[in-house]
N, C-alpha and C. Protein backbone atom coordinates (compact mmCIF):
# COMPACT_ATOMS: atom_id res chain seq x y z
N UNK A 1 -51.30 46.51 26.92
CA UNK A 1 -50.28 47.38 26.84
C UNK A 1 -49.08 46.59 25.73
N UNK A 2 -48.43 47.47 25.02
CA UNK A 2 -48.09 47.36 23.60
C UNK A 2 -46.67 47.12 24.02
N UNK A 3 -45.78 46.24 23.39
CA UNK A 3 -44.27 45.64 23.27
C UNK A 3 -43.64 47.07 22.47
N UNK A 4 -42.44 47.21 22.50
CA UNK A 4 -41.82 47.66 21.94
C UNK A 4 -40.96 47.30 20.78
N UNK A 5 -41.30 47.63 19.42
CA UNK A 5 -40.22 46.80 18.57
C UNK A 5 -41.77 45.56 17.80
N UNK A 6 -41.08 44.92 16.81
CA UNK A 6 -42.46 44.03 16.41
C UNK A 6 -42.36 42.92 16.78
N UNK A 7 -43.85 42.14 16.65
CA UNK A 7 -44.03 40.84 17.28
C UNK A 7 -43.22 39.69 17.03
N UNK A 8 -42.53 40.14 15.53
CA UNK A 8 -41.60 38.58 15.38
C UNK A 8 -40.64 38.82 15.31
N UNK A 9 -39.46 37.76 15.28
CA UNK A 9 -38.20 38.33 15.29
C UNK A 9 -37.61 38.46 14.12
N UNK A 10 -36.64 39.80 14.10
CA UNK A 10 -36.28 39.77 12.03
C UNK A 10 -35.14 38.70 11.37
N UNK A 11 -35.72 38.06 10.77
CA UNK A 11 -35.27 37.11 10.20
C UNK A 11 -34.49 37.59 8.90
N UNK A 12 -33.40 37.17 8.38
CA UNK A 12 -32.59 37.72 7.10
C UNK A 12 -33.17 36.88 6.26
N UNK A 13 -33.89 37.44 5.38
CA UNK A 13 -35.07 36.70 4.06
C UNK A 13 -33.75 35.97 2.97
N UNK A 14 -32.76 36.94 2.68
CA UNK A 14 -32.01 36.53 1.75
C UNK A 14 -31.24 35.08 1.91
N UNK A 15 -30.95 35.07 3.28
CA UNK A 15 -29.94 33.66 3.79
C UNK A 15 -31.04 32.61 3.91
N UNK A 16 -31.28 31.90 3.00
CA UNK A 16 -31.94 30.45 3.15
C UNK A 16 -31.17 29.17 3.54
N UNK A 17 -31.63 28.58 4.73
CA UNK A 17 -31.10 27.41 5.06
C UNK A 17 -30.47 26.18 3.70
N UNK A 18 -29.62 25.66 3.89
CA UNK A 18 -29.17 24.53 3.03
C UNK A 18 -29.79 23.68 3.22
N UNK A 19 -30.51 22.77 1.83
CA UNK A 19 -30.82 21.36 2.20
C UNK A 19 -30.35 20.46 2.79
N UNK A 20 -31.14 19.79 3.53
CA UNK A 20 -30.19 18.78 4.08
C UNK A 20 -30.08 17.76 3.08
N UNK A 21 -28.84 17.28 2.68
CA UNK A 21 -28.53 16.09 1.84
C UNK A 21 -28.53 14.58 2.51
N UNK A 22 -29.26 14.03 1.79
CA UNK A 22 -29.30 12.39 2.55
C UNK A 22 -27.57 12.25 2.36
N UNK A 23 -27.74 10.89 2.98
CA UNK A 23 -26.30 10.44 3.13
C UNK A 23 -25.88 9.39 1.55
N UNK A 24 -25.00 9.31 0.90
CA UNK A 24 -24.59 8.86 -0.04
C UNK A 24 -25.29 7.25 -0.23
N UNK A 25 -25.14 6.71 1.07
CA UNK A 25 -25.49 4.77 0.84
C UNK A 25 -26.77 5.32 1.92
N UNK A 26 -27.78 4.08 1.86
CA UNK A 26 -28.37 4.24 3.26
C UNK A 26 -28.19 3.12 4.30
N UNK A 27 -27.96 2.85 5.34
CA UNK A 27 -27.62 1.67 5.85
C UNK A 27 -28.49 0.69 6.27
N UNK A 28 -28.50 -0.40 6.13
CA UNK A 28 -29.21 -1.40 6.34
C UNK A 28 -29.26 -1.77 7.77
N UNK A 29 -30.40 -1.22 8.25
CA UNK A 29 -30.24 -1.52 9.72
C UNK A 29 -30.98 -2.53 10.09
N UNK A 30 -31.72 -3.35 9.18
CA UNK A 30 -31.70 -4.84 9.81
C UNK A 30 -30.70 -5.47 10.20
N UNK A 31 -29.83 -5.58 8.57
CA UNK A 31 -28.72 -6.14 9.15
C UNK A 31 -27.76 -5.77 10.36
N UNK A 32 -27.72 -4.62 10.37
CA UNK A 32 -26.83 -3.90 11.77
C UNK A 32 -27.20 -4.15 12.80
N UNK A 33 -28.32 -4.50 12.97
CA UNK A 33 -29.12 -5.29 14.28
C UNK A 33 -28.85 -6.35 14.57
N UNK A 34 -28.93 -7.21 13.40
CA UNK A 34 -28.79 -8.72 13.43
C UNK A 34 -27.25 -8.87 13.71
N UNK A 35 -26.30 -8.19 13.31
CA UNK A 35 -24.65 -7.96 13.67
C UNK A 35 -24.95 -7.27 14.87
N UNK A 36 -25.28 -6.70 15.95
CA UNK A 36 -25.25 -6.55 16.99
C UNK A 36 -25.54 -7.44 17.79
N UNK A 37 -26.98 -8.07 17.56
CA UNK A 37 -27.63 -9.10 18.53
C UNK A 37 -26.35 -10.52 18.31
N UNK A 38 -25.86 -10.64 17.13
CA UNK A 38 -24.85 -11.78 17.20
C UNK A 38 -23.92 -11.35 17.95
N UNK A 39 -23.02 -10.28 17.98
CA UNK A 39 -21.90 -9.82 18.94
C UNK A 39 -22.48 -9.85 19.98
N UNK A 40 -23.60 -9.84 20.67
CA UNK A 40 -24.04 -9.56 21.96
C UNK A 40 -23.97 -11.27 22.38
N UNK A 41 -24.50 -12.34 21.57
CA UNK A 41 -24.27 -13.46 22.04
C UNK A 41 -23.14 -14.21 22.01
N UNK A 42 -22.21 -13.59 21.23
CA UNK A 42 -20.81 -14.31 21.06
C UNK A 42 -20.25 -13.35 23.13
N UNK A 43 -20.39 -12.26 23.12
CA UNK A 43 -20.30 -11.57 24.37
C UNK A 43 -20.67 -12.35 25.49
N UNK A 44 -21.64 -13.01 25.58
CA UNK A 44 -22.48 -13.46 26.73
C UNK A 44 -21.67 -15.22 26.71
N UNK A 45 -21.27 -15.63 25.50
CA UNK A 45 -21.11 -16.96 25.33
C UNK A 45 -19.72 -16.87 26.29
N UNK A 46 -19.10 -15.71 25.91
CA UNK A 46 -17.88 -15.76 26.43
C UNK A 46 -17.57 -15.27 27.81
N UNK A 47 -18.43 -14.38 28.10
CA UNK A 47 -18.45 -14.25 29.43
C UNK A 47 -18.84 -15.72 30.35
N UNK A 48 -20.20 -16.49 29.84
CA UNK A 48 -20.56 -17.78 30.83
C UNK A 48 -19.35 -18.92 30.50
N UNK A 49 -18.69 -18.81 29.64
CA UNK A 49 -17.56 -19.95 29.61
C UNK A 49 -16.31 -19.14 30.73
N UNK A 50 -15.94 -17.93 30.78
CA UNK A 50 -15.23 -17.54 31.69
C UNK A 50 -15.79 -17.61 33.09
N UNK A 51 -16.94 -17.39 33.17
CA UNK A 51 -17.37 -17.62 34.66
C UNK A 51 -17.60 -19.57 34.81
N UNK A 52 -17.56 -20.35 33.95
CA UNK A 52 -17.41 -21.81 34.19
C UNK A 52 -16.11 -22.07 34.31
N UNK A 53 -15.34 -21.50 33.84
CA UNK A 53 -13.93 -21.68 33.97
C UNK A 53 -13.61 -21.27 35.82
N UNK A 54 -13.99 -20.24 35.52
CA UNK A 54 -13.35 -19.71 37.39
C UNK A 54 -14.18 -20.67 38.26
N UNK A 55 -15.27 -20.94 38.23
CA UNK A 55 -15.92 -22.11 39.43
C UNK A 55 -15.44 -23.27 39.14
N UNK A 56 -14.65 -23.64 37.94
CA UNK A 56 -14.05 -25.24 37.99
C UNK A 56 -12.95 -25.26 39.12
N UNK A 57 -12.18 -24.07 39.30
CA UNK A 57 -11.16 -24.03 39.57
C UNK A 57 -10.81 -24.56 41.00
């Protein structure tokens, strides 16, 4: 059995997608990861000190 219409969708060939432009700067992902780890350690340190402080009351 044959379908009505073309097999492929009709695409406007005149309009081409714009090329994806790269960001002006490249993010230093290693340094960002180290910063996130450092902030996590500071957060754990502050939570631990708060827990110790509350347990001594």
